[in-house]
C-alpha atoms as a PDB file:
ATOM      1  CA  MET A   1     -31.646  10.768  12.743  1.00  0.00           C
ATOM      2  CA  ARG A   2     -32.222   8.244  15.512  1.00  0.00           C
ATOM      3  CA  ILE A   3     -29.453   5.970  16.078  1.00  0.00           C
ATOM      4  CA  GLU A   4     -30.265   2.538  14.150  1.00  0.00           C
ATOM      5  CA  THR A   5     -28.401  -0.648  14.714  1.00  0.00           C
ATOM      6  CA  LEU A   6     -27.993  -3.053  11.853  1.00  0.00           C
ATOM      7  CA  VAL A   7     -27.167  -6.749  12.496  1.00  0.00           C
ATOM      8  CA  MET A   8     -25.108  -9.416  10.595  1.00  0.00           C
ATOM      9  CA  HIS A   9     -23.402 -12.849  11.392  1.00  0.00           C
ATOM     10  CA  HIS A  10     -20.261 -14.140   9.927  1.00  0.00           C
ATOM     11  CA  LEU A  11     -19.556 -18.185  10.634  1.00  0.00           C
ATOM     12  CA  VAL A  12     -15.724 -18.647  11.577  1.00  0.00           C
ATOM     13  CA  LYS A  13     -15.056 -21.157   8.966  1.00  0.00           C
ATOM     14  CA  GLY A  14     -11.232 -22.433   8.095  1.00  0.00           C
ATOM     15  CA  GLU A  15     -10.129 -19.968   5.668  1.00  0.00           C
ATOM     16  CA  ASP A  16     -10.751 -17.648   8.320  1.00  0.00           C
ATOM     17  CA  LEU A  17      -8.074 -18.799  10.910  1.00  0.00           C
ATOM     18  CA  ASN A  18      -4.966 -17.984  12.101  1.00  0.00           C
ATOM     19  CA  HIS A  19      -1.866 -20.184  12.842  1.00  0.00           C
ATOM     20  CA  HIS A  20      -3.373 -20.549  16.266  1.00  0.00           C
ATOM     21  CA  GLY A  21      -6.545 -21.888  14.737  1.00  0.00           C
ATOM     22  CA  THR A  22      -8.751 -19.045  16.221  1.00  0.00           C
ATOM     23  CA  LEU A  23     -10.067 -16.198  14.247  1.00  0.00           C
ATOM     24  CA  PHE A  24      -7.309 -13.979  12.301  1.00  0.00           C
ATOM     25  CA  ALA A  25      -7.532 -10.659  13.343  1.00  0.00           C
ATOM     26  CA  GLY A  26      -7.224  -9.128   9.713  1.00  0.00           C
ATOM     27  CA  ARG A  27     -10.268 -11.176   8.712  1.00  0.00           C
ATOM     28  CA  GLY A  28     -11.866  -9.961  12.120  1.00  0.00           C
ATOM     29  CA  ALA A  29     -10.743  -6.002  10.944  1.00  0.00           C
ATOM     30  CA  GLU A  30     -12.459  -6.790   7.482  1.00  0.00           C
ATOM     31  CA  TRP A  31     -15.688  -7.884   9.236  1.00  0.00           C
ATOM     32  CA  LEU A  32     -15.674  -4.815  11.551  1.00  0.00           C
ATOM     33  CA  VAL A  33     -15.213  -2.756   8.492  1.00  0.00           C
ATOM     34  CA  GLU A  34     -18.240  -4.346   6.326  1.00  0.00           C
ATOM     35  CA  ALA A  35     -19.938  -4.057   9.547  1.00  0.00           C
ATOM     36  CA  GLY A  36     -19.245  -0.376   9.615  1.00  0.00           C
ATOM     37  CA  PHE A  37     -19.764   0.157   6.073  1.00  0.00           C
ATOM     38  CA  ILE A  38     -23.159  -1.110   5.985  1.00  0.00           C
ATOM     39  CA  ALA A  39     -24.240   1.060   8.835  1.00  0.00           C
ATOM     40  CA  ALA A  40     -23.195   3.915   7.124  1.00  0.00           C
ATOM     41  CA  SER A  41     -24.467   3.162   3.804  1.00  0.00           C
ATOM     42  CA  ASN A  42     -27.972   2.735   5.310  1.00  0.00           C
ATOM     43  CA  VAL A  43     -27.751   6.369   5.699  1.00  0.00           C
ATOM     44  CA  LEU A  44     -25.826   7.522   2.987  1.00  0.00           C
ATOM     45  CA  PRO A  45     -25.016   6.468  -0.760  1.00  0.00           C
ATOM     46  CA  ALA A  46     -22.388   3.258  -0.537  1.00  0.00           C
ATOM     47  CA  LYS A  47     -20.301   4.991  -3.501  1.00  0.00           C
ATOM     48  CA  TYR A  48     -19.580   8.030  -1.549  1.00  0.00           C
ATOM     49  CA  LEU A  49     -18.423   6.698   1.647  1.00  0.00           C
ATOM     50  CA  LEU A  50     -15.108   6.091   2.006  1.00  0.00           C
ATOM     51  CA  CYS A  51     -13.331   4.323   5.350  1.00  0.00           C
ATOM     52  CA  MET A  52     -10.675   6.986   6.638  1.00  0.00           C
ATOM     53  CA  LYS A  53      -9.992   5.253  10.332  1.00  0.00           C
ATOM     54  CA  ILE A  54     -10.282   2.388  12.421  1.00  0.00           C
ATOM     55  CA  HIS A  55     -10.212   3.790  16.069  1.00  0.00           C
ATOM     56  CA  GLY A  56      -9.402   1.332  19.186  1.00  0.00           C
ATOM     57  CA  MET A  57     -10.366  -2.150  17.284  1.00  0.00           C
ATOM     58  CA  GLN A  58      -9.545  -4.552  20.412  1.00  0.00           C
ATOM     59  CA  PHE A  59      -9.921  -8.260  20.771  1.00  0.00           C
ATOM     60  CA  ARG A  60     -11.413  -9.540  23.748  1.00  0.00           C
ATOM     61  CA  ARG A  61     -11.618 -13.401  23.210  1.00  0.00           C
ATOM     62  CA  PRO A  62     -10.331 -15.580  20.895  1.00  0.00           C
ATOM     63  CA  VAL A  63     -12.834 -17.240  18.386  1.00  0.00           C
ATOM     64  CA  GLU A  64     -12.835 -20.681  17.549  1.00  0.00           C
ATOM     65  CA  PRO A  65     -13.796 -22.402  14.066  1.00  0.00           C
ATOM     66  CA  GLY A  66     -17.521 -23.012  13.947  1.00  0.00           C
ATOM     67  CA  GLU A  67     -18.755 -20.023  15.957  1.00  0.00           C
ATOM     68  CA  VAL A  68     -20.711 -17.597  14.697  1.00  0.00           C
ATOM     69  CA  VAL A  69     -19.906 -13.815  15.341  1.00  0.00           C
ATOM     70  CA  ARG A  70     -22.723 -11.338  15.805  1.00  0.00           C
ATOM     71  CA  PHE A  71     -21.652  -7.785  14.312  1.00  0.00           C
ATOM     72  CA  SER A  72     -24.054  -4.993  15.626  1.00  0.00           C
ATOM     73  CA  ALA A  73     -23.336  -1.587  14.048  1.00  0.00           C
ATOM     74  CA  ALA A  74     -24.826   2.024  14.217  1.00  0.00           C
ATOM     75  CA  VAL A  75     -23.965   5.554  12.883  1.00  0.00           C
ATOM     76  CA  VAL A  76     -23.081   7.424  16.413  1.00  0.00           C
ATOM     77  CA  PHE A  77     -21.900  10.538  15.553  1.00  0.00           C
ATOM     78  CA  THR A  78     -21.697  12.920  12.498  1.00  0.00           C
ATOM     79  CA  GLY A  79     -19.684  15.989  11.597  1.00  0.00           C
ATOM     80  CA  ARG A  80     -19.644  18.073   8.364  1.00  0.00           C
ATOM     81  CA  SER A  81     -18.465  15.311   5.744  1.00  0.00           C
ATOM     82  CA  ARG A  82     -17.660  12.676   8.257  1.00  0.00           C
ATOM     83  CA  LEU A  83     -19.885   9.754  10.009  1.00  0.00           C
ATOM     84  CA  ILE A  84     -18.758   7.797  13.043  1.00  0.00           C
ATOM     85  CA  THR A  85     -19.704   4.491  13.404  1.00  0.00           C
ATOM     86  CA  TYR A  86     -19.528   1.915  16.431  1.00  0.00           C
ATOM     87  CA  ILE A  87     -19.395  -1.550  16.210  1.00  0.00           C
ATOM     88  CA  ARG A  88     -19.564  -4.416  18.742  1.00  0.00           C
ATOM     89  CA  ALA A  89     -19.185  -7.758  17.610  1.00  0.00           C
ATOM     90  CA  GLU A  90     -19.996 -11.079  20.102  1.00  0.00           C
ATOM     91  CA  THR A  91     -19.750 -14.450  20.230  1.00  0.00           C
ATOM     92  CA  LYS A  92     -21.940 -16.902  22.324  1.00  0.00           C
ATOM     93  CA  GLY A  93     -23.048 -13.662  24.095  1.00  0.00           C
ATOM     94  CA  GLU A  94     -19.604 -12.345  25.216  1.00  0.00           C
ATOM     95  CA  LEU A  95     -17.819  -9.331  23.884  1.00  0.00           C
ATOM     96  CA  THR A  96     -15.405 -10.717  21.242  1.00  0.00           C
ATOM     97  CA  VAL A  97     -14.357  -7.135  19.380  1.00  0.00           C
ATOM     98  CA  GLU A  98     -15.516  -3.584  19.414  1.00  0.00           C
ATOM     99  CA  GLY A  99     -14.191  -0.228  17.812  1.00  0.00           C
ATOM    100  CA  PHE A 100     -15.776   2.672  16.117  1.00  0.00           C
ATOM    101  CA  ILE A 101     -14.797   3.632  12.142  1.00  0.00           C
ATOM    102  CA  THR A 102     -14.791   6.809  10.774  1.00  0.00           C
ATOM    103  CA  PHE A 103     -15.801   7.259   7.189  1.00  0.00           C
ATOM    104  CA  VAL A 104     -15.783  10.382   4.733  1.00  0.00           C
ATOM    105  CA  TYR A 105     -18.473  11.693   2.611  1.00  0.00           C
ATOM    106  CA  VAL A 106     -17.479  12.512  -1.119  1.00  0.00           C
ATOM    107  CA  ASP A 107     -18.299  13.878  -4.251  1.00  0.00           C
ATOM    108  CA  ASP A 108     -17.338  12.310  -7.522  1.00  0.00           C
ATOM    109  CA  GLU A 109     -14.326  13.470  -7.542  1.00  0.00           C
ATOM    110  CA  GLY A 110     -13.546  12.224  -4.231  1.00  0.00           C
ATOM    111  CA  ARG A 111     -13.243  15.334  -1.813  1.00  0.00           C
ATOM    112  CA  SER A 112     -15.045  15.283   0.807  1.00  0.00           C
ATOM    113  CA  ARG A 113     -18.345  17.061   1.108  1.00  0.00           C
ATOM    114  CA  PRO A 114     -21.102  18.160   4.198  1.00  0.00           C
ATOM    115  CA  HIS A 115     -23.609  15.404   3.874  1.00  0.00           C
ATOM    116  CA  GLY A 116     -26.480  17.326   6.073  1.00  0.00           C
ATOM    117  CA  LEU A 117     -27.094  14.454   8.628  1.00  0.00           C
ATOM    118  CA  THR A 118     -27.232  14.561  12.810  1.00  0.00           C
ATOM    119  CA  VAL A 119     -27.667  12.268  14.660  1.00  0.00           C
ATOM    120  CA  GLU A 120     -30.010  12.072  17.969  1.00  0.00           C
ATOM    121  CA  ALA A 121     -28.489  10.175  20.675  1.00  0.00           C
ATOM    122  CA  VAL A 122     -31.325   8.987  22.881  1.00  0.00           C
ATOM    123  CA  SER A 123     -30.281   6.176  25.678  1.00  0.00           C
ATOM    124  CA  GLU A 124     -27.642   6.709  28.081  1.00  0.00           C
ATOM    125  CA  GLU A 125     -25.444   4.328  26.180  1.00  0.00           C
ATOM    126  CA  GLU A 126     -25.864   6.374  23.117  1.00  0.00           C
ATOM    127  CA  GLN A 127     -25.185   9.331  24.584  1.00  0.00           C
ATOM    128  CA  GLU A 128     -22.143   7.779  26.169  1.00  0.00           C
ATOM    129  CA  LEU A 129     -21.088   6.407  22.409  1.00  0.00           C
ATOM    130  CA  GLN A 130     -21.627   9.357  20.797  1.00  0.00           C
ATOM    131  CA  ARG A 131     -19.423  11.289  23.703  1.00  0.00           C
ATOM    132  CA  GLN A 132     -16.385   8.694  22.641  1.00  0.00           C
ATOM    133  CA  ALA A 133     -16.599   9.064  18.787  1.00  0.00           C
ATOM    134  CA  SER A 134     -16.515  12.706  19.332  1.00  0.00           C
ATOM    135  CA  GLU A 135     -12.945  12.601  20.875  1.00  0.00           C
ATOM    136  CA  LEU A 136     -11.660  10.611  18.003  1.00  0.00           C
END
């Protein structure tokens, strides 16, 4: 399958803020996982996906109340039963946070099982993301 990027947006509201008055990292992590899960569930049934690990989530700038965060997420790597998504979030065109998330495809008993998917990276950017994901 080719890499397909899905986009979602979140408005930063009062309940999303930390004690500094900027986006709480926990809320940002929640949204990052949500975006990665949506990308993974675009290629496999959601009920059989489990989040296993968040890799390298790093915030690059604070996000103020009233700003809109744009999340772009795509499945960039597959193994036998795992999928790795890359998520990039931007605010006003600036990188806010990025990271990779590993999901595992499971059966009805929660045991990992093969999903049969492979990802085809076409552009140099996709190939680089796939390389980084393969090293996680």
